[in-house]
């Protein structure tokens, strides 16, 4: 492109601020309707940030619950591999090293990715919004600190070490179940316990969220004044649920 053409195009361009300034000068009411893009209450640079509505509050609870359900469905789908043949020569009920490794990988994905996603920023946002509506006197750091404390605790470290031992145990097993039925049965029992702990954890998280959703259903537009404590207490249960998860893994 020649410099003259570039200069011509450049001189014809305007910044967004200039466009808005001209539009406002030509038509002062332009964009200043109650919900317009230049309005002082709802525009893109409002004087006061837009407030959350009760509907927005409910929507965050629903979306977070859906995330829990999606993780539960994924976990059930992955663990259903236990009842399937992985290769043509395998019987569906047969446990093999390949199937066992895939099941352990499913746990690893759940623990390191899905669970981390559940207990991360989205939960913290839901907690902050809930406190804003229902308990402004409660510290916004209370829940994330409690979760972090449990996840960095001795029982958490012990549970993670146990999972590593189960992986090592798998590598030490003979190639087929028939080569050492007793050791294979012991390994499979440990594997089933891990699967059950994962499923129980996600089920308990879903039940805690259900208690919050019931508050919305029972009290509707009066949920803040009549069900606010129920909402906050539902989220406060989460650290204990995680602690029980680690305890169950250690008792497998």
C-alpha atoms as a PDB file:
ATOM      1  CA  UNK A   1       0.000   0.000   0.000  1.00  0.00           C
ATOM      2  CA  UNK A   2       1.356   3.419  -0.998  1.00  0.00           C
ATOM      3  CA  UNK A   3       2.035   5.888   1.789  1.00  0.00           C
ATOM      4  CA  UNK A   4      -0.413   8.420   0.338  1.00  0.00           C
ATOM      5  CA  UNK A   5      -3.216   5.850   0.365  1.00  0.00           C
ATOM      6  CA  UNK A   6      -2.270   4.800   3.907  1.00  0.00           C
ATOM      7  CA  UNK A   7      -2.318   8.417   5.061  1.00  0.00           C
ATOM      8  CA  UNK A   8      -5.721   8.966   3.453  1.00  0.00           C
ATOM      9  CA  UNK A   9      -7.215   5.927   5.186  1.00  0.00           C
ATOM     10  CA  UNK A  10      -5.566   6.838   8.488  1.00  0.00           C
ATOM     11  CA  UNK A  11      -6.957  10.350   8.390  1.00  0.00           C
ATOM     12  CA  UNK A  12     -10.464   8.985   7.813  1.00  0.00           C
ATOM     13  CA  UNK A  13     -10.374   6.756  10.895  1.00  0.00           C
ATOM     14  CA  UNK A  14     -11.822   7.908  14.188  1.00  0.00           C
ATOM     15  CA  UNK A  15     -11.485   6.573  17.678  1.00  0.00           C
ATOM     16  CA  UNK A  16     -14.538   5.146  19.413  1.00  0.00           C
ATOM     17  CA  UNK A  17     -14.437   8.077  21.834  1.00  0.00           C
ATOM     18  CA  UNK A  18     -14.632  10.565  18.938  1.00  0.00           C
ATOM     19  CA  UNK A  19     -17.560   8.721  17.367  1.00  0.00           C
ATOM     20  CA  UNK A  20     -19.474   8.772  20.637  1.00  0.00           C
ATOM     21  CA  UNK A  21     -18.675  12.433  21.241  1.00  0.00           C
ATOM     22  CA  UNK A  22     -20.024  13.378  17.797  1.00  0.00           C
ATOM     23  CA  UNK A  23     -23.121  11.227  18.241  1.00  0.00           C
ATOM     24  CA  UNK A  24     -23.861  12.805  21.603  1.00  0.00           C
ATOM     25  CA  UNK A  25     -23.301  16.325  20.230  1.00  0.00           C
ATOM     26  CA  UNK A  26     -25.682  15.758  17.296  1.00  0.00           C
ATOM     27  CA  UNK A  27     -28.360  14.102  19.432  1.00  0.00           C
ATOM     28  CA  UNK A  28     -27.946  14.736  23.166  1.00  0.00           C
ATOM     29  CA  UNK A  29     -30.483  12.039  24.117  1.00  0.00           C
ATOM     30  CA  UNK A  30     -28.623   9.451  22.025  1.00  0.00           C
ATOM     31  CA  UNK A  31     -27.788   6.424  24.204  1.00  0.00           C
ATOM     32  CA  UNK A  32     -28.984   8.101  27.402  1.00  0.00           C
ATOM     33  CA  UNK A  33     -32.178   6.112  27.839  1.00  0.00           C
ATOM     34  CA  UNK A  34     -32.417   4.313  31.231  1.00  0.00           C
ATOM     35  CA  UNK A  35     -30.638   1.258  29.858  1.00  0.00           C
ATOM     36  CA  UNK A  36     -28.737   2.927  27.039  1.00  0.00           C
ATOM     37  CA  UNK A  37     -25.044   2.430  26.412  1.00  0.00           C
ATOM     38  CA  UNK A  38     -24.277   5.986  27.548  1.00  0.00           C
ATOM     39  CA  UNK A  39     -26.603   6.035  30.526  1.00  0.00           C
ATOM     40  CA  UNK A  40     -25.074   6.929  33.867  1.00  0.00           C
ATOM     41  CA  UNK A  41     -26.599   3.849  35.506  1.00  0.00           C
ATOM     42  CA  UNK A  42     -26.194   1.035  32.957  1.00  0.00           C
ATOM     43  CA  UNK A  43     -23.715   2.283  30.372  1.00  0.00           C
ATOM     44  CA  UNK A  44     -20.278   0.833  29.728  1.00  0.00           C
ATOM     45  CA  UNK A  45     -18.742   3.385  32.121  1.00  0.00           C
ATOM     46  CA  UNK A  46     -21.514   3.804  34.707  1.00  0.00           C
ATOM     47  CA  UNK A  47     -21.159   6.153  37.645  1.00  0.00           C
ATOM     48  CA  UNK A  48     -22.283   3.332  39.940  1.00  0.00           C
ATOM     49  CA  UNK A  49     -21.513  -0.308  38.989  1.00  0.00           C
ATOM     50  CA  UNK A  50     -24.682  -2.238  38.046  1.00  0.00           C
ATOM     51  CA  UNK A  51     -26.190  -4.151  40.965  1.00  0.00           C
ATOM     52  CA  UNK A  52     -26.943  -7.880  41.005  1.00  0.00           C
ATOM     53  CA  UNK A  53     -30.591  -8.774  40.782  1.00  0.00           C
ATOM     54  CA  UNK A  54     -32.160 -11.633  42.719  1.00  0.00           C
ATOM     55  CA  UNK A  55     -32.429 -13.463  39.411  1.00  0.00           C
ATOM     56  CA  UNK A  56     -28.665 -13.101  38.864  1.00  0.00           C
ATOM     57  CA  UNK A  57     -28.115 -14.480  42.356  1.00  0.00           C
ATOM     58  CA  UNK A  58     -30.295 -17.530  41.643  1.00  0.00           C
ATOM     59  CA  UNK A  59     -28.674 -18.030  38.241  1.00  0.00           C
ATOM     60  CA  UNK A  60     -25.205 -18.316  39.815  1.00  0.00           C
ATOM     61  CA  UNK A  61     -26.470 -20.999  42.174  1.00  0.00           C
ATOM     62  CA  UNK A  62     -28.066 -22.917  39.288  1.00  0.00           C
ATOM     63  CA  UNK A  63     -24.969 -22.682  37.084  1.00  0.00           C
ATOM     64  CA  UNK A  64     -22.677 -23.883  39.839  1.00  0.00           C
ATOM     65  CA  UNK A  65     -25.008 -26.806  40.585  1.00  0.00           C
ATOM     66  CA  UNK A  66     -25.027 -27.695  36.887  1.00  0.00           C
ATOM     67  CA  UNK A  67     -21.231 -27.799  36.990  1.00  0.00           C
ATOM     68  CA  UNK A  68     -21.406 -30.318  39.855  1.00  0.00           C
ATOM     69  CA  UNK A  69     -23.901 -32.449  37.924  1.00  0.00           C
ATOM     70  CA  UNK A  70     -21.739 -32.366  34.783  1.00  0.00           C
ATOM     71  CA  UNK A  71     -18.724 -33.576  36.767  1.00  0.00           C
ATOM     72  CA  UNK A  72     -20.834 -36.328  38.335  1.00  0.00           C
ATOM     73  CA  UNK A  73     -22.074 -37.478  34.916  1.00  0.00           C
ATOM     74  CA  UNK A  74     -18.524 -37.490  33.551  1.00  0.00           C
ATOM     75  CA  UNK A  75     -17.268 -39.465  36.535  1.00  0.00           C
ATOM     76  CA  UNK A  76     -20.023 -42.071  36.226  1.00  0.00           C
ATOM     77  CA  UNK A  77     -19.321 -42.377  32.514  1.00  0.00           C
ATOM     78  CA  UNK A  78     -15.582 -42.853  33.036  1.00  0.00           C
ATOM     79  CA  UNK A  79     -15.997 -45.393  35.826  1.00  0.00           C
ATOM     80  CA  UNK A  80     -18.519 -47.382  33.755  1.00  0.00           C
ATOM     81  CA  UNK A  81     -15.463 -48.669  31.897  1.00  0.00           C
ATOM     82  CA  UNK A  82     -15.166 -51.203  34.733  1.00  0.00           C
ATOM     83  CA  UNK A  83     -18.083 -53.138  33.201  1.00  0.00           C
ATOM     84  CA  UNK A  84     -16.810 -53.001  29.627  1.00  0.00           C
ATOM     85  CA  UNK A  85     -14.299 -54.831  27.475  1.00  0.00           C
ATOM     86  CA  UNK A  86     -11.263 -52.708  26.670  1.00  0.00           C
ATOM     87  CA  UNK A  87      -9.911 -55.055  23.986  1.00  0.00           C
ATOM     88  CA  UNK A  88     -11.613 -57.732  21.908  1.00  0.00           C
ATOM     89  CA  UNK A  89     -10.205 -60.620  23.905  1.00  0.00           C
ATOM     90  CA  UNK A  90     -11.255 -59.219  27.289  1.00  0.00           C
ATOM     91  CA  UNK A  91     -14.441 -60.268  29.031  1.00  0.00           C
ATOM     92  CA  UNK A  92     -16.450 -57.266  30.316  1.00  0.00           C
ATOM     93  CA  UNK A  93     -16.014 -58.318  33.945  1.00  0.00           C
ATOM     94  CA  UNK A  94     -12.264 -58.945  33.564  1.00  0.00           C
ATOM     95  CA  UNK A  95      -9.869 -56.526  35.252  1.00  0.00           C
ATOM     96  CA  UNK A  96      -6.720 -55.949  33.234  1.00  0.00           C
ATOM     97  CA  UNK A  97      -3.740 -53.660  33.634  1.00  0.00           C
ATOM     98  CA  UNK A  98      -4.956 -51.469  30.796  1.00  0.00           C
ATOM     99  CA  UNK A  99      -8.449 -51.112  32.247  1.00  0.00           C
ATOM    100  CA  UNK A 100      -7.065 -50.480  35.739  1.00  0.00           C
ATOM    101  CA  UNK A 101      -4.740 -47.762  34.453  1.00  0.00           C
ATOM    102  CA  UNK A 102      -7.596 -46.062  32.594  1.00  0.00           C
ATOM    103  CA  UNK A 103      -9.697 -46.087  35.762  1.00  0.00           C
ATOM    104  CA  UNK A 104      -6.846 -44.625  37.795  1.00  0.00           C
ATOM    105  CA  UNK A 105      -6.389 -41.970  35.105  1.00  0.00           C
ATOM    106  CA  UNK A 106     -10.082 -41.103  35.474  1.00  0.00           C
ATOM    107  CA  UNK A 107      -9.573 -40.535  39.183  1.00  0.00           C
ATOM    108  CA  UNK A 108      -6.487 -38.435  38.481  1.00  0.00           C
ATOM    109  CA  UNK A 109      -8.409 -36.250  36.005  1.00  0.00           C
ATOM    110  CA  UNK A 110     -11.236 -35.814  38.485  1.00  0.00           C
ATOM    111  CA  UNK A 111      -8.956 -34.932  41.380  1.00  0.00           C
ATOM    112  CA  UNK A 112      -6.534 -32.615  39.605  1.00  0.00           C
ATOM    113  CA  UNK A 113      -8.863 -30.957  37.102  1.00  0.00           C
ATOM    114  CA  UNK A 114     -12.583 -31.353  37.839  1.00  0.00           C
ATOM    115  CA  UNK A 115     -12.381 -31.018  41.613  1.00  0.00           C
ATOM    116  CA  UNK A 116      -9.967 -28.122  41.318  1.00  0.00           C
ATOM    117  CA  UNK A 117     -12.423 -26.414  38.981  1.00  0.00           C
ATOM    118  CA  UNK A 118     -15.296 -26.934  41.419  1.00  0.00           C
ATOM    119  CA  UNK A 119     -13.393 -25.596  44.413  1.00  0.00           C
ATOM    120  CA  UNK A 120     -11.777 -22.683  42.593  1.00  0.00           C
ATOM    121  CA  UNK A 121     -12.877 -19.286  41.317  1.00  0.00           C
ATOM    122  CA  UNK A 122     -16.506 -20.164  40.531  1.00  0.00           C
ATOM    123  CA  UNK A 123     -17.168 -21.360  44.065  1.00  0.00           C
ATOM    124  CA  UNK A 124     -15.404 -18.324  45.491  1.00  0.00           C
ATOM    125  CA  UNK A 125     -17.558 -16.057  43.299  1.00  0.00           C
ATOM    126  CA  UNK A 126     -20.736 -17.829  44.435  1.00  0.00           C
ATOM    127  CA  UNK A 127     -19.618 -17.478  48.049  1.00  0.00           C
ATOM    128  CA  UNK A 128     -18.908 -13.749  47.628  1.00  0.00           C
ATOM    129  CA  UNK A 129     -22.256 -13.094  45.946  1.00  0.00           C
ATOM    130  CA  UNK A 130     -24.092 -15.076  48.633  1.00  0.00           C
ATOM    131  CA  UNK A 131     -22.410 -13.097  51.399  1.00  0.00           C
ATOM    132  CA  UNK A 132     -23.219  -9.859  49.591  1.00  0.00           C
ATOM    133  CA  UNK A 133     -26.908 -10.722  49.620  1.00  0.00           C
ATOM    134  CA  UNK A 134     -27.225 -12.605  52.895  1.00  0.00           C
ATOM    135  CA  UNK A 135     -24.302 -12.124  55.294  1.00  0.00           C
ATOM    136  CA  UNK A 136     -22.191  -9.040  54.692  1.00  0.00           C
ATOM    137  CA  UNK A 137     -20.651  -9.438  58.168  1.00  0.00           C
ATOM    138  CA  UNK A 138     -18.986 -12.776  57.261  1.00  0.00           C
ATOM    139  CA  UNK A 139     -15.453 -12.646  55.853  1.00  0.00           C
ATOM    140  CA  UNK A 140     -15.185 -13.427  52.145  1.00  0.00           C
ATOM    141  CA  UNK A 141     -11.932 -15.283  52.875  1.00  0.00           C
ATOM    142  CA  UNK A 142     -13.523 -17.716  55.338  1.00  0.00           C
ATOM    143  CA  UNK A 143     -14.579 -20.394  52.846  1.00  0.00           C
ATOM    144  CA  UNK A 144     -11.524 -20.328  50.521  1.00  0.00           C
ATOM    145  CA  UNK A 145      -9.200 -20.369  53.541  1.00  0.00           C
ATOM    146  CA  UNK A 146     -11.045 -23.336  55.069  1.00  0.00           C
ATOM    147  CA  UNK A 147     -10.875 -25.267  51.786  1.00  0.00           C
ATOM    148  CA  UNK A 148      -7.179 -24.473  51.344  1.00  0.00           C
ATOM    149  CA  UNK A 149      -6.504 -25.604  54.920  1.00  0.00           C
ATOM    150  CA  UNK A 150      -8.154 -28.979  54.338  1.00  0.00           C
ATOM    151  CA  UNK A 151      -6.468 -29.526  50.970  1.00  0.00           C
ATOM    152  CA  UNK A 152      -3.030 -28.815  52.440  1.00  0.00           C
ATOM    153  CA  UNK A 153      -3.615 -30.862  55.603  1.00  0.00           C
ATOM    154  CA  UNK A 154      -1.845 -34.027  56.714  1.00  0.00           C
ATOM    155  CA  UNK A 155      -4.845 -36.220  55.866  1.00  0.00           C
ATOM    156  CA  UNK A 156      -4.886 -34.796  52.329  1.00  0.00           C
ATOM    157  CA  UNK A 157      -1.176 -35.525  51.870  1.00  0.00           C
ATOM    158  CA  UNK A 158      -1.675 -39.023  53.249  1.00  0.00           C
ATOM    159  CA  UNK A 159      -4.569 -39.675  50.842  1.00  0.00           C
ATOM    160  CA  UNK A 160      -2.540 -38.455  47.867  1.00  0.00           C
ATOM    161  CA  UNK A 161       0.360 -40.706  48.908  1.00  0.00           C
ATOM    162  CA  UNK A 162      -2.046 -43.638  49.126  1.00  0.00           C
ATOM    163  CA  UNK A 163      -3.213 -43.044  45.550  1.00  0.00           C
ATOM    164  CA  UNK A 164       0.428 -43.036  44.432  1.00  0.00           C
ATOM    165  CA  UNK A 165       0.917 -46.355  46.235  1.00  0.00           C
ATOM    166  CA  UNK A 166      -2.063 -47.863  44.410  1.00  0.00           C
ATOM    167  CA  UNK A 167      -0.507 -46.809  41.102  1.00  0.00           C
ATOM    168  CA  UNK A 168       2.772 -48.437  42.134  1.00  0.00           C
ATOM    169  CA  UNK A 169       0.886 -51.541  43.255  1.00  0.00           C
ATOM    170  CA  UNK A 170      -0.628 -51.854  39.770  1.00  0.00           C
ATOM    171  CA  UNK A 171       2.802 -51.781  38.144  1.00  0.00           C
ATOM    172  CA  UNK A 172       4.007 -54.573  40.440  1.00  0.00           C
ATOM    173  CA  UNK A 173       1.141 -56.936  39.618  1.00  0.00           C
ATOM    174  CA  UNK A 174       1.659 -59.876  37.252  1.00  0.00           C
ATOM    175  CA  UNK A 175       0.238 -59.494  33.726  1.00  0.00           C
ATOM    176  CA  UNK A 176      -3.099 -61.248  34.312  1.00  0.00           C
ATOM    177  CA  UNK A 177      -5.517 -61.865  37.138  1.00  0.00           C
ATOM    178  CA  UNK A 178      -4.980 -65.626  36.874  1.00  0.00           C
ATOM    179  CA  UNK A 179      -1.271 -65.224  37.633  1.00  0.00           C
ATOM    180  CA  UNK A 180      -1.994 -64.063  41.198  1.00  0.00           C
ATOM    181  CA  UNK A 181      -5.731 -63.843  41.980  1.00  0.00           C
ATOM    182  CA  UNK A 182      -5.194 -62.825  45.617  1.00  0.00           C
ATOM    183  CA  UNK A 183      -3.026 -59.775  44.834  1.00  0.00           C
ATOM    184  CA  UNK A 184      -5.222 -58.726  41.939  1.00  0.00           C
ATOM    185  CA  UNK A 185      -8.305 -58.948  44.174  1.00  0.00           C
ATOM    186  CA  UNK A 186      -6.599 -56.803  46.820  1.00  0.00           C
ATOM    187  CA  UNK A 187      -5.684 -54.211  44.213  1.00  0.00           C
ATOM    188  CA  UNK A 188      -9.185 -54.187  42.723  1.00  0.00           C
ATOM    189  CA  UNK A 189     -10.688 -53.642  46.166  1.00  0.00           C
ATOM    190  CA  UNK A 190      -8.498 -50.567  46.642  1.00  0.00           C
ATOM    191  CA  UNK A 191      -9.428 -49.296  43.188  1.00  0.00           C
ATOM    192  CA  UNK A 192     -13.146 -49.711  43.851  1.00  0.00           C
ATOM    193  CA  UNK A 193     -12.797 -47.803  47.121  1.00  0.00           C
ATOM    194  CA  UNK A 194     -11.161 -44.888  45.312  1.00  0.00           C
ATOM    195  CA  UNK A 195     -13.958 -44.828  42.758  1.00  0.00           C
ATOM    196  CA  UNK A 196     -16.593 -44.917  45.506  1.00  0.00           C
ATOM    197  CA  UNK A 197     -14.918 -42.097  47.433  1.00  0.00           C
ATOM    198  CA  UNK A 198     -14.890 -39.898  44.319  1.00  0.00           C
ATOM    199  CA  UNK A 199     -18.568 -40.570  43.603  1.00  0.00           C
ATOM    200  CA  UNK A 200     -19.568 -40.029  47.234  1.00  0.00           C
ATOM    201  CA  UNK A 201     -17.724 -36.703  47.351  1.00  0.00           C
ATOM    202  CA  UNK A 202     -19.490 -35.343  44.301  1.00  0.00           C
ATOM    203  CA  UNK A 203     -22.859 -36.637  45.567  1.00  0.00           C
ATOM    204  CA  UNK A 204     -22.382 -34.852  48.912  1.00  0.00           C
ATOM    205  CA  UNK A 205     -21.397 -31.612  47.170  1.00  0.00           C
ATOM    206  CA  UNK A 206     -24.540 -31.833  45.078  1.00  0.00           C
ATOM    207  CA  UNK A 207     -26.672 -32.384  48.186  1.00  0.00           C
ATOM    208  CA  UNK A 208     -25.168 -29.289  49.820  1.00  0.00           C
ATOM    209  CA  UNK A 209     -26.026 -27.185  46.760  1.00  0.00           C
ATOM    210  CA  UNK A 210     -29.511 -28.709  46.737  1.00  0.00           C
ATOM    211  CA  UNK A 211     -30.144 -27.286  50.198  1.00  0.00           C
ATOM    212  CA  UNK A 212     -29.377 -23.843  48.857  1.00  0.00           C
ATOM    213  CA  UNK A 213     -31.649 -24.268  45.849  1.00  0.00           C
ATOM    214  CA  UNK A 214     -34.460 -25.428  48.145  1.00  0.00           C
ATOM    215  CA  UNK A 215     -34.193 -22.098  49.947  1.00  0.00           C
ATOM    216  CA  UNK A 216     -34.890 -20.306  46.654  1.00  0.00           C
ATOM    217  CA  UNK A 217     -37.866 -22.577  45.967  1.00  0.00           C
ATOM    218  CA  UNK A 218     -39.318 -22.244  49.466  1.00  0.00           C
ATOM    219  CA  UNK A 219     -38.921 -18.498  49.940  1.00  0.00           C
ATOM    220  CA  UNK A 220     -38.785 -17.174  46.359  1.00  0.00           C
ATOM    221  CA  UNK A 221     -38.473 -13.357  46.429  1.00  0.00           C
ATOM    222  CA  UNK A 222     -38.094 -13.408  50.236  1.00  0.00           C
ATOM    223  CA  UNK A 223     -35.126 -15.782  50.096  1.00  0.00           C
ATOM    224  CA  UNK A 224     -32.600 -13.216  51.326  1.00  0.00           C
ATOM    225  CA  UNK A 225     -34.445 -12.404  54.544  1.00  0.00           C
ATOM    226  CA  UNK A 226     -35.915 -15.855  55.178  1.00  0.00           C
ATOM    227  CA  UNK A 227     -33.419 -18.253  53.602  1.00  0.00           C
ATOM    228  CA  UNK A 228     -30.162 -16.329  53.681  1.00  0.00           C
ATOM    229  CA  UNK A 229     -28.739 -18.333  56.585  1.00  0.00           C
ATOM    230  CA  UNK A 230     -29.632 -21.575  54.806  1.00  0.00           C
ATOM    231  CA  UNK A 231     -27.734 -20.470  51.710  1.00  0.00           C
ATOM    232  CA  UNK A 232     -24.612 -19.481  53.624  1.00  0.00           C
ATOM    233  CA  UNK A 233     -24.659 -22.652  55.754  1.00  0.00           C
ATOM    234  CA  UNK A 234     -24.994 -24.831  52.641  1.00  0.00           C
ATOM    235  CA  UNK A 235     -21.712 -23.462  51.285  1.00  0.00           C
ATOM    236  CA  UNK A 236     -20.046 -23.670  54.693  1.00  0.00           C
ATOM    237  CA  UNK A 237     -20.504 -27.453  54.591  1.00  0.00           C
ATOM    238  CA  UNK A 238     -18.066 -27.845  51.707  1.00  0.00           C
ATOM    239  CA  UNK A 239     -14.786 -27.900  53.713  1.00  0.00           C
ATOM    240  CA  UNK A 240     -16.168 -30.669  55.954  1.00  0.00           C
ATOM    241  CA  UNK A 241     -17.293 -32.630  52.911  1.00  0.00           C
ATOM    242  CA  UNK A 242     -13.768 -32.461  51.489  1.00  0.00           C
ATOM    243  CA  UNK A 243     -12.264 -33.480  54.823  1.00  0.00           C
ATOM    244  CA  UNK A 244     -14.560 -36.519  55.000  1.00  0.00           C
ATOM    245  CA  UNK A 245     -13.449 -37.417  51.467  1.00  0.00           C
ATOM    246  CA  UNK A 246      -9.807 -37.543  52.508  1.00  0.00           C
ATOM    247  CA  UNK A 247     -10.679 -39.487  55.645  1.00  0.00           C
ATOM    248  CA  UNK A 248     -12.580 -42.060  53.583  1.00  0.00           C
ATOM    249  CA  UNK A 249      -9.644 -42.455  51.169  1.00  0.00           C
ATOM    250  CA  UNK A 250      -7.315 -43.075  54.076  1.00  0.00           C
ATOM    251  CA  UNK A 251      -9.653 -45.705  55.509  1.00  0.00           C
ATOM    252  CA  UNK A 252      -9.976 -47.678  52.286  1.00  0.00           C
END
